[in-house]
Amino acid sequence: MRTLDEFEQNLVRRLLQTNTIGVPNLPGMLDARLRDVDLVRAAASWEMHFSVQRFQAQALVDEVRGLARDLVNTVHLLRELEANGLIVIYHESVFPKQARFGGLVQGDQPIAAQVYDLRVNQLLDETAFASILVKPGLIAYVREGFRMPEEVRADNDLRMNRRNLRIAAWALVLGVGIGLWQVCLAYREVHYGKLQVEQTQQVELDSAQYNGLKQQLHATFSGDGHTIATDSTATRKACCAKH
């Protein structure tokens, strides 16, 4: 179903409104548009009759063109709604050869303008005095903002895809954040292990310096005739702690 303009949407709303109080038809849909205007089914074609008292000169030309466009939109809209299964158009009685409907005041002198388009004349013959059966699909169509069920499903799928895309994006960001956090933890562990090795090497170096110093002192005092006492464990721990 194509996108309807404002005039067509108002026609559909009028159709549903009429359906709540009776059987809709084309005259009921165009009631507000046919003030001081009649649609007349003559012998060969349809005519638009305008009030002389209201429409003259350029205003008459503009009204003829405007009403002709509205008639074309209306009859094609009805056929399109029927083709999409939203309404059913049917005749309850024989179509009259001479027919008239509209809001032209009886007794006012009319100015006639013929509907020349053969297709529009045919569609007016088919719909002007036909009854319209409104299907539940039309009610749902209006309720959903003049969108067909497949359009509603497509919009829902689009919203769902966008939602899934946002979730995937957030999951990716979270995964990257967790990965960076794990890298930082690994770096800290490596750095801490390196410090531990350096501290162990420093302790070993201090112990070697201590032993070398002890040997030098032992050699010095031995040359002077002194005897240096053997280092006890407590003394060694104290020296290591000092170092």
C-alpha atoms as a PDB file:
ATOM      1  CA  MET A   1       0.000   0.000   0.000  1.00  0.00           C
ATOM      2  CA  ARG A   2       1.384   3.369  -1.000  1.00  0.00           C
ATOM      3  CA  THR A   3       1.714   6.337   1.339  1.00  0.00           C
ATOM      4  CA  LEU A   4      -1.516   8.327   1.555  1.00  0.00           C
ATOM      5  CA  ASP A   5      -1.594  12.107   1.518  1.00  0.00           C
ATOM      6  CA  GLU A   6      -3.522  14.146   4.075  1.00  0.00           C
ATOM      7  CA  PHE A   7      -6.678  14.364   1.943  1.00  0.00           C
ATOM      8  CA  GLU A   8      -6.778  10.591   1.454  1.00  0.00           C
ATOM      9  CA  GLN A   9      -6.117   9.923   5.129  1.00  0.00           C
ATOM     10  CA  ASN A  10      -9.040  12.165   6.034  1.00  0.00           C
ATOM     11  CA  LEU A  11     -11.221  10.224   3.576  1.00  0.00           C
ATOM     12  CA  VAL A  12     -10.278   6.932   5.250  1.00  0.00           C
ATOM     13  CA  ARG A  13     -11.005   8.385   8.705  1.00  0.00           C
ATOM     14  CA  ARG A  14     -14.358   9.610   7.406  1.00  0.00           C
ATOM     15  CA  LEU A  15     -15.019   6.129   6.051  1.00  0.00           C
ATOM     16  CA  LEU A  16     -14.380   4.556   9.452  1.00  0.00           C
ATOM     17  CA  GLN A  17     -16.478   7.209  11.202  1.00  0.00           C
ATOM     18  CA  THR A  18     -19.412   6.570   8.871  1.00  0.00           C
ATOM     19  CA  ASN A  19     -19.001   2.831   9.396  1.00  0.00           C
ATOM     20  CA  THR A  20     -19.744   3.244  13.126  1.00  0.00           C
ATOM     21  CA  ILE A  21     -23.200   4.722  12.461  1.00  0.00           C
ATOM     22  CA  GLY A  22     -24.274   3.035   9.232  1.00  0.00           C
ATOM     23  CA  VAL A  23     -23.158   1.722   5.864  1.00  0.00           C
ATOM     24  CA  PRO A  24     -20.441   3.905   4.277  1.00  0.00           C
ATOM     25  CA  ASN A  25     -20.632   5.099   0.682  1.00  0.00           C
ATOM     26  CA  LEU A  26     -18.945   7.608  -1.588  1.00  0.00           C
ATOM     27  CA  PRO A  27     -21.421  10.494  -1.002  1.00  0.00           C
ATOM     28  CA  GLY A  28     -20.890  10.145   2.739  1.00  0.00           C
ATOM     29  CA  MET A  29     -17.124  10.320   2.313  1.00  0.00           C
ATOM     30  CA  LEU A  30     -17.344  13.462   0.146  1.00  0.00           C
ATOM     31  CA  ASP A  31     -20.109  15.176   2.116  1.00  0.00           C
ATOM     32  CA  ALA A  32     -17.880  17.974   3.444  1.00  0.00           C
ATOM     33  CA  ARG A  33     -16.302  18.496   0.003  1.00  0.00           C
ATOM     34  CA  LEU A  34     -19.610  18.900  -1.875  1.00  0.00           C
ATOM     35  CA  ARG A  35     -20.990  22.035  -0.251  1.00  0.00           C
ATOM     36  CA  ASP A  36     -22.852  24.070  -2.891  1.00  0.00           C
ATOM     37  CA  VAL A  37     -21.837  21.415  -5.442  1.00  0.00           C
ATOM     38  CA  ASP A  38     -23.743  18.461  -6.932  1.00  0.00           C
ATOM     39  CA  LEU A  39     -22.449  15.410  -8.779  1.00  0.00           C
ATOM     40  CA  VAL A  40     -24.982  14.491 -11.457  1.00  0.00           C
ATOM     41  CA  ARG A  41     -25.085  11.306 -13.529  1.00  0.00           C
ATOM     42  CA  ALA A  42     -26.330  12.452 -16.941  1.00  0.00           C
ATOM     43  CA  ALA A  43     -27.103  10.254 -19.923  1.00  0.00           C
ATOM     44  CA  ALA A  44     -23.504   9.673 -21.056  1.00  0.00           C
ATOM     45  CA  SER A  45     -21.216  10.949 -18.318  1.00  0.00           C
ATOM     46  CA  TRP A  46     -20.961  12.579 -14.926  1.00  0.00           C
ATOM     47  CA  GLU A  47     -21.181  16.329 -14.397  1.00  0.00           C
ATOM     48  CA  MET A  48     -20.238  18.701 -11.594  1.00  0.00           C
ATOM     49  CA  HIS A  49     -22.847  21.376 -10.915  1.00  0.00           C
ATOM     50  CA  PHE A  50     -21.730  24.539  -9.103  1.00  0.00           C
ATOM     51  CA  SER A  51     -23.858  27.278  -7.594  1.00  0.00           C
ATOM     52  CA  VAL A  52     -23.869  30.467  -9.671  1.00  0.00           C
ATOM     53  CA  GLN A  53     -24.325  32.539  -6.509  1.00  0.00           C
ATOM     54  CA  ARG A  54     -21.046  31.276  -5.011  1.00  0.00           C
ATOM     55  CA  PHE A  55     -18.700  30.374  -7.867  1.00  0.00           C
ATOM     56  CA  GLN A  56     -17.854  32.840 -10.603  1.00  0.00           C
ATOM     57  CA  ALA A  57     -14.969  33.611 -12.951  1.00  0.00           C
ATOM     58  CA  GLN A  58     -11.551  32.360 -11.729  1.00  0.00           C
ATOM     59  CA  ALA A  59     -13.007  30.929  -8.497  1.00  0.00           C
ATOM     60  CA  LEU A  60     -15.188  28.659 -10.611  1.00  0.00           C
ATOM     61  CA  VAL A  61     -12.208  27.458 -12.692  1.00  0.00           C
ATOM     62  CA  ASP A  62     -10.182  26.694  -9.558  1.00  0.00           C
ATOM     63  CA  GLU A  63     -13.090  24.854  -7.948  1.00  0.00           C
ATOM     64  CA  VAL A  64     -13.692  22.713 -11.050  1.00  0.00           C
ATOM     65  CA  ARG A  65     -10.041  21.670 -11.190  1.00  0.00           C
ATOM     66  CA  GLY A  66      -9.831  21.064  -7.441  1.00  0.00           C
ATOM     67  CA  LEU A  67     -12.985  18.980  -7.268  1.00  0.00           C
ATOM     68  CA  ALA A  68     -11.947  16.959 -10.320  1.00  0.00           C
ATOM     69  CA  ARG A  69      -8.636  16.071  -8.627  1.00  0.00           C
ATOM     70  CA  ASP A  70     -10.456  15.135  -5.420  1.00  0.00           C
ATOM     71  CA  LEU A  71     -12.857  12.887  -7.343  1.00  0.00           C
ATOM     72  CA  VAL A  72      -9.966  11.140  -9.080  1.00  0.00           C
ATOM     73  CA  ASN A  73      -8.160  10.613  -5.756  1.00  0.00           C
ATOM     74  CA  THR A  74     -11.319   9.326  -4.059  1.00  0.00           C
ATOM     75  CA  VAL A  75     -12.403   6.745  -6.638  1.00  0.00           C
ATOM     76  CA  HIS A  76      -8.862   5.446  -7.116  1.00  0.00           C
ATOM     77  CA  LEU A  77      -8.387   5.282  -3.341  1.00  0.00           C
ATOM     78  CA  LEU A  78     -11.500   3.121  -2.978  1.00  0.00           C
ATOM     79  CA  ARG A  79     -10.294   0.741  -5.680  1.00  0.00           C
ATOM     80  CA  GLU A  80      -6.846   0.593  -4.092  1.00  0.00           C
ATOM     81  CA  LEU A  81      -8.282  -0.149  -0.656  1.00  0.00           C
ATOM     82  CA  GLU A  82     -10.382  -2.911  -2.173  1.00  0.00           C
ATOM     83  CA  ALA A  83      -7.390  -4.351  -4.044  1.00  0.00           C
ATOM     84  CA  ASN A  84      -5.492  -4.584  -0.745  1.00  0.00           C
ATOM     85  CA  GLY A  85      -8.381  -6.391   0.970  1.00  0.00           C
ATOM     86  CA  LEU A  86      -9.234  -3.518   3.314  1.00  0.00           C
ATOM     87  CA  ILE A  87     -12.785  -2.899   2.018  1.00  0.00           C
ATOM     88  CA  VAL A  88     -15.400  -4.568  -0.177  1.00  0.00           C
ATOM     89  CA  ILE A  89     -17.506  -2.513  -2.605  1.00  0.00           C
ATOM     90  CA  TYR A  90     -20.898  -3.980  -3.504  1.00  0.00           C
ATOM     91  CA  HIS A  91     -24.258  -2.856  -4.880  1.00  0.00           C
ATOM     92  CA  GLU A  92     -27.420  -3.364  -2.852  1.00  0.00           C
ATOM     93  CA  SER A  93     -29.719  -2.176  -5.651  1.00  0.00           C
ATOM     94  CA  VAL A  94     -29.770  -1.377  -9.363  1.00  0.00           C
ATOM     95  CA  PHE A  95     -27.728   1.677 -10.267  1.00  0.00           C
ATOM     96  CA  PRO A  96     -30.077   4.512 -11.395  1.00  0.00           C
ATOM     97  CA  LYS A  97     -29.559   5.922 -14.856  1.00  0.00           C
ATOM     98  CA  GLN A  98     -30.207   9.432 -13.605  1.00  0.00           C
ATOM     99  CA  ALA A  99     -28.523  10.109 -10.275  1.00  0.00           C
ATOM    100  CA  ARG A 100     -27.557  13.097  -8.215  1.00  0.00           C
ATOM    101  CA  PHE A 101     -25.893  13.724  -4.865  1.00  0.00           C
ATOM    102  CA  GLY A 102     -24.205  16.690  -3.209  1.00  0.00           C
ATOM    103  CA  GLY A 103     -25.004  19.888  -1.347  1.00  0.00           C
ATOM    104  CA  LEU A 104     -26.247  22.245  -4.026  1.00  0.00           C
ATOM    105  CA  VAL A 105     -29.274  24.168  -2.780  1.00  0.00           C
ATOM    106  CA  GLN A 106     -32.343  23.200  -4.780  1.00  0.00           C
ATOM    107  CA  GLY A 107     -33.546  26.110  -6.892  1.00  0.00           C
ATOM    108  CA  ASP A 108     -30.107  27.716  -7.327  1.00  0.00           C
ATOM    109  CA  GLN A 109     -29.058  28.059 -10.926  1.00  0.00           C
ATOM    110  CA  PRO A 110     -26.175  25.600 -11.577  1.00  0.00           C
ATOM    111  CA  ILE A 111     -23.100  25.871 -13.754  1.00  0.00           C
ATOM    112  CA  ALA A 112     -22.249  22.447 -15.211  1.00  0.00           C
ATOM    113  CA  ALA A 113     -18.747  21.095 -15.780  1.00  0.00           C
ATOM    114  CA  GLN A 114     -18.461  17.689 -17.416  1.00  0.00           C
ATOM    115  CA  VAL A 115     -16.159  14.917 -16.183  1.00  0.00           C
ATOM    116  CA  TYR A 116     -14.401  13.968 -19.424  1.00  0.00           C
ATOM    117  CA  ASP A 117     -12.099  11.209 -18.244  1.00  0.00           C
ATOM    118  CA  LEU A 118     -13.633   7.858 -19.232  1.00  0.00           C
ATOM    119  CA  ARG A 119     -11.894   5.940 -16.446  1.00  0.00           C
ATOM    120  CA  VAL A 120     -13.140   8.344 -13.775  1.00  0.00           C
ATOM    121  CA  ASN A 121     -16.666   8.111 -15.194  1.00  0.00           C
ATOM    122  CA  GLN A 122     -16.450   4.323 -15.024  1.00  0.00           C
ATOM    123  CA  LEU A 123     -15.144   4.360 -11.457  1.00  0.00           C
ATOM    124  CA  LEU A 124     -17.880   6.770 -10.421  1.00  0.00           C
ATOM    125  CA  ASP A 125     -20.453   4.401 -11.947  1.00  0.00           C
ATOM    126  CA  GLU A 126     -18.943   1.542  -9.931  1.00  0.00           C
ATOM    127  CA  THR A 127     -18.610   3.346  -6.597  1.00  0.00           C
ATOM    128  CA  ALA A 128     -20.972   6.348  -6.457  1.00  0.00           C
ATOM    129  CA  PHE A 129     -24.002   4.461  -5.143  1.00  0.00           C
ATOM    130  CA  ALA A 130     -22.307   1.297  -3.940  1.00  0.00           C
ATOM    131  CA  SER A 131     -22.140   0.251  -0.305  1.00  0.00           C
ATOM    132  CA  ILE A 132     -18.745  -0.171   1.339  1.00  0.00           C
ATOM    133  CA  LEU A 133     -17.974  -3.031   3.693  1.00  0.00           C
ATOM    134  CA  VAL A 134     -15.125  -2.126   6.029  1.00  0.00           C
ATOM    135  CA  LYS A 135     -12.789  -5.013   6.848  1.00  0.00           C
ATOM    136  CA  PRO A 136     -10.871  -5.335  10.156  1.00  0.00           C
ATOM    137  CA  GLY A 137      -7.656  -4.797   8.230  1.00  0.00           C
ATOM    138  CA  LEU A 138      -8.642  -1.185   7.509  1.00  0.00           C
ATOM    139  CA  ILE A 139      -9.150  -0.493  11.218  1.00  0.00           C
ATOM    140  CA  ALA A 140      -5.715  -1.968  11.980  1.00  0.00           C
ATOM    141  CA  TYR A 141      -4.251  -0.026   9.048  1.00  0.00           C
ATOM    142  CA  VAL A 142      -5.415   3.305  10.488  1.00  0.00           C
ATOM    143  CA  ARG A 143      -4.493   2.295  14.061  1.00  0.00           C
ATOM    144  CA  GLU A 144      -0.926   1.544  12.954  1.00  0.00           C
ATOM    145  CA  GLY A 145      -0.497   4.995  11.431  1.00  0.00           C
ATOM    146  CA  PHE A 146      -1.651   4.083   7.895  1.00  0.00           C
ATOM    147  CA  ARG A 147       0.820   1.232   7.596  1.00  0.00           C
ATOM    148  CA  MET A 148       0.156  -2.256   6.298  1.00  0.00           C
ATOM    149  CA  PRO A 149       1.043  -5.308   8.480  1.00  0.00           C
ATOM    150  CA  GLU A 150       4.162  -6.034   6.439  1.00  0.00           C
ATOM    151  CA  GLU A 151       5.329  -2.455   6.956  1.00  0.00           C
ATOM    152  CA  VAL A 152       4.757  -2.782  10.711  1.00  0.00           C
ATOM    153  CA  ARG A 153       6.708  -6.057  10.754  1.00  0.00           C
ATOM    154  CA  ALA A 154       9.519  -4.464   8.762  1.00  0.00           C
ATOM    155  CA  ASP A 155       9.697  -1.567  11.240  1.00  0.00           C
ATOM    156  CA  ASN A 156       9.708  -3.988  14.179  1.00  0.00           C
ATOM    157  CA  ASP A 157      12.487  -6.033  12.559  1.00  0.00           C
ATOM    158  CA  LEU A 158      14.461  -2.851  11.945  1.00  0.00           C
ATOM    159  CA  ARG A 159      14.100  -1.792  15.582  1.00  0.00           C
ATOM    160  CA  MET A 160      15.122  -5.274  16.720  1.00  0.00           C
ATOM    161  CA  ASN A 161      18.176  -5.244  14.448  1.00  0.00           C
ATOM    162  CA  ARG A 162      19.187  -1.842  15.780  1.00  0.00           C
ATOM    163  CA  ARG A 163      18.760  -3.111  19.342  1.00  0.00           C
ATOM    164  CA  ASN A 164      20.884  -6.186  18.622  1.00  0.00           C
ATOM    165  CA  LEU A 165      23.510  -3.997  16.976  1.00  0.00           C
ATOM    166  CA  ARG A 166      23.686  -1.761  20.058  1.00  0.00           C
ATOM    167  CA  ILE A 167      24.005  -4.818  22.315  1.00  0.00           C
ATOM    168  CA  ALA A 168      26.780  -6.226  20.110  1.00  0.00           C
ATOM    169  CA  ALA A 169      28.592  -2.874  20.146  1.00  0.00           C
ATOM    170  CA  TRP A 170      28.409  -2.651  23.940  1.00  0.00           C
ATOM    171  CA  ALA A 171      29.585  -6.279  24.233  1.00  0.00           C
ATOM    172  CA  LEU A 172      32.548  -5.467  21.988  1.00  0.00           C
ATOM    173  CA  VAL A 173      33.446  -2.415  24.066  1.00  0.00           C
ATOM    174  CA  LEU A 174      33.137  -4.449  27.265  1.00  0.00           C
ATOM    175  CA  GLY A 175      35.297  -7.227  25.805  1.00  0.00           C
ATOM    176  CA  VAL A 176      37.987  -4.749  24.798  1.00  0.00           C
ATOM    177  CA  GLY A 177      37.887  -3.202  28.280  1.00  0.00           C
ATOM    178  CA  ILE A 178      38.262  -6.595  29.965  1.00  0.00           C
ATOM    179  CA  GLY A 179      41.135  -7.461  27.617  1.00  0.00           C
ATOM    180  CA  LEU A 180      42.969  -4.241  28.472  1.00  0.00           C
ATOM    181  CA  TRP A 181      42.419  -4.868  32.184  1.00  0.00           C
ATOM    182  CA  GLN A 182      43.894  -8.368  31.850  1.00  0.00           C
ATOM    183  CA  VAL A 183      46.892  -6.961  29.965  1.00  0.00           C
ATOM    184  CA  CYS A 184      47.466  -4.461  32.782  1.00  0.00           C
ATOM    185  CA  LEU A 185      47.294  -7.249  35.369  1.00  0.00           C
ATOM    186  CA  ALA A 186      49.772  -9.345  33.388  1.00  0.00           C
ATOM    187  CA  TYR A 187      52.118  -6.377  33.074  1.00  0.00           C
ATOM    188  CA  ARG A 188      51.954  -5.767  36.823  1.00  0.00           C
ATOM    189  CA  GLU A 189      52.729  -9.417  37.538  1.00  0.00           C
ATOM    190  CA  VAL A 190      55.710  -9.378  35.166  1.00  0.00           C
ATOM    191  CA  HIS A 191      56.953  -6.117  36.634  1.00  0.00           C
ATOM    192  CA  TYR A 192      56.530  -7.417  40.195  1.00  0.00           C
ATOM    193  CA  GLY A 193      58.416 -10.611  39.326  1.00  0.00           C
ATOM    194  CA  LYS A 194      61.243  -8.561  37.849  1.00  0.00           C
ATOM    195  CA  LEU A 195      61.505  -6.531  41.051  1.00  0.00           C
ATOM    196  CA  GLN A 196      61.623  -9.738  43.090  1.00  0.00           C
ATOM    197  CA  VAL A 197      64.505 -11.056  40.981  1.00  0.00           C
ATOM    198  CA  GLU A 198      66.380  -7.770  41.315  1.00  0.00           C
ATOM    199  CA  GLN A 199      65.917  -7.803  45.102  1.00  0.00           C
ATOM    200  CA  THR A 200      67.173 -11.418  45.294  1.00  0.00           C
ATOM    201  CA  GLN A 201      70.216 -10.534  43.194  1.00  0.00           C
ATOM    202  CA  GLN A 202      70.880  -7.531  45.429  1.00  0.00           C
ATOM    203  CA  VAL A 203      70.779  -9.735  48.555  1.00  0.00           C
ATOM    204  CA  GLU A 204      73.188 -12.197  46.959  1.00  0.00           C
ATOM    205  CA  LEU A 205      75.504  -9.353  45.989  1.00  0.00           C
ATOM    206  CA  ASP A 206      75.455  -7.937  49.527  1.00  0.00           C
ATOM    207  CA  SER A 207      76.296 -11.387  50.906  1.00  0.00           C
ATOM    208  CA  ALA A 208      79.265 -11.719  48.525  1.00  0.00           C
ATOM    209  CA  GLN A 209      80.541  -8.248  49.508  1.00  0.00           C
ATOM    210  CA  TYR A 210      80.198  -9.192  53.159  1.00  0.00           C
ATOM    211  CA  ASN A 211      82.249 -12.393  52.696  1.00  0.00           C
ATOM    212  CA  GLY A 212      84.933 -10.501  50.759  1.00  0.00           C
ATOM    213  CA  LEU A 213      85.158  -7.833  53.459  1.00  0.00           C
ATOM    214  CA  LYS A 214      85.387 -10.492  56.148  1.00  0.00           C
ATOM    215  CA  GLN A 215      88.256 -12.197  54.340  1.00  0.00           C
ATOM    216  CA  GLN A 216      90.093  -8.895  53.955  1.00  0.00           C
ATOM    217  CA  LEU A 217      89.716  -8.172  57.670  1.00  0.00           C
ATOM    218  CA  HIS A 218      90.829 -11.675  58.543  1.00  0.00           C
ATOM    219  CA  ALA A 219      93.907 -11.333  56.390  1.00  0.00           C
ATOM    220  CA  THR A 220      94.736  -7.941  57.855  1.00  0.00           C
ATOM    221  CA  PHE A 221      94.442  -8.964  61.480  1.00  0.00           C
ATOM    222  CA  SER A 222      96.232 -12.248  60.839  1.00  0.00           C
ATOM    223  CA  GLY A 223      99.252 -10.310  59.523  1.00  0.00           C
ATOM    224  CA  ASP A 224      99.391  -8.247  62.727  1.00  0.00           C
ATOM    225  CA  GLY A 225      99.316 -11.341  64.942  1.00  0.00           C
ATOM    226  CA  HIS A 226      95.697 -10.998  65.883  1.00  0.00           C
ATOM    227  CA  THR A 227      93.085 -13.663  65.567  1.00  0.00           C
ATOM    228  CA  ILE A 228      89.666 -12.847  64.270  1.00  0.00           C
ATOM    229  CA  ALA A 229      86.838 -14.739  65.760  1.00  0.00           C
ATOM    230  CA  THR A 230      84.672 -16.980  63.607  1.00  0.00           C
ATOM    231  CA  ASP A 231      81.475 -15.196  62.636  1.00  0.00           C
ATOM    232  CA  SER A 232      78.488 -16.519  64.408  1.00  0.00           C
ATOM    233  CA  THR A 233      75.093 -16.941  62.825  1.00  0.00           C
ATOM    234  CA  ALA A 234      73.636 -14.094  64.876  1.00  0.00           C
ATOM    235  CA  THR A 235      76.425 -11.762  63.825  1.00  0.00           C
ATOM    236  CA  ARG A 236      75.959 -12.719  60.169  1.00  0.00           C
ATOM    237  CA  LYS A 237      72.223 -12.048  60.360  1.00  0.00           C
ATOM    238  CA  ALA A 238      72.867  -8.670  61.965  1.00  0.00           C
ATOM    239  CA  CYS A 239      75.337  -7.732  59.268  1.00  0.00           C
ATOM    240  CA  CYS A 240      72.964  -8.869  56.530  1.00  0.00           C
ATOM    241  CA  ALA A 241      70.174  -6.858  58.103  1.00  0.00           C
ATOM    242  CA  LYS A 242      72.455  -3.824  58.249  1.00  0.00           C
ATOM    243  CA  HIS A 243      73.400  -4.222  54.636  1.00  0.00           C
END
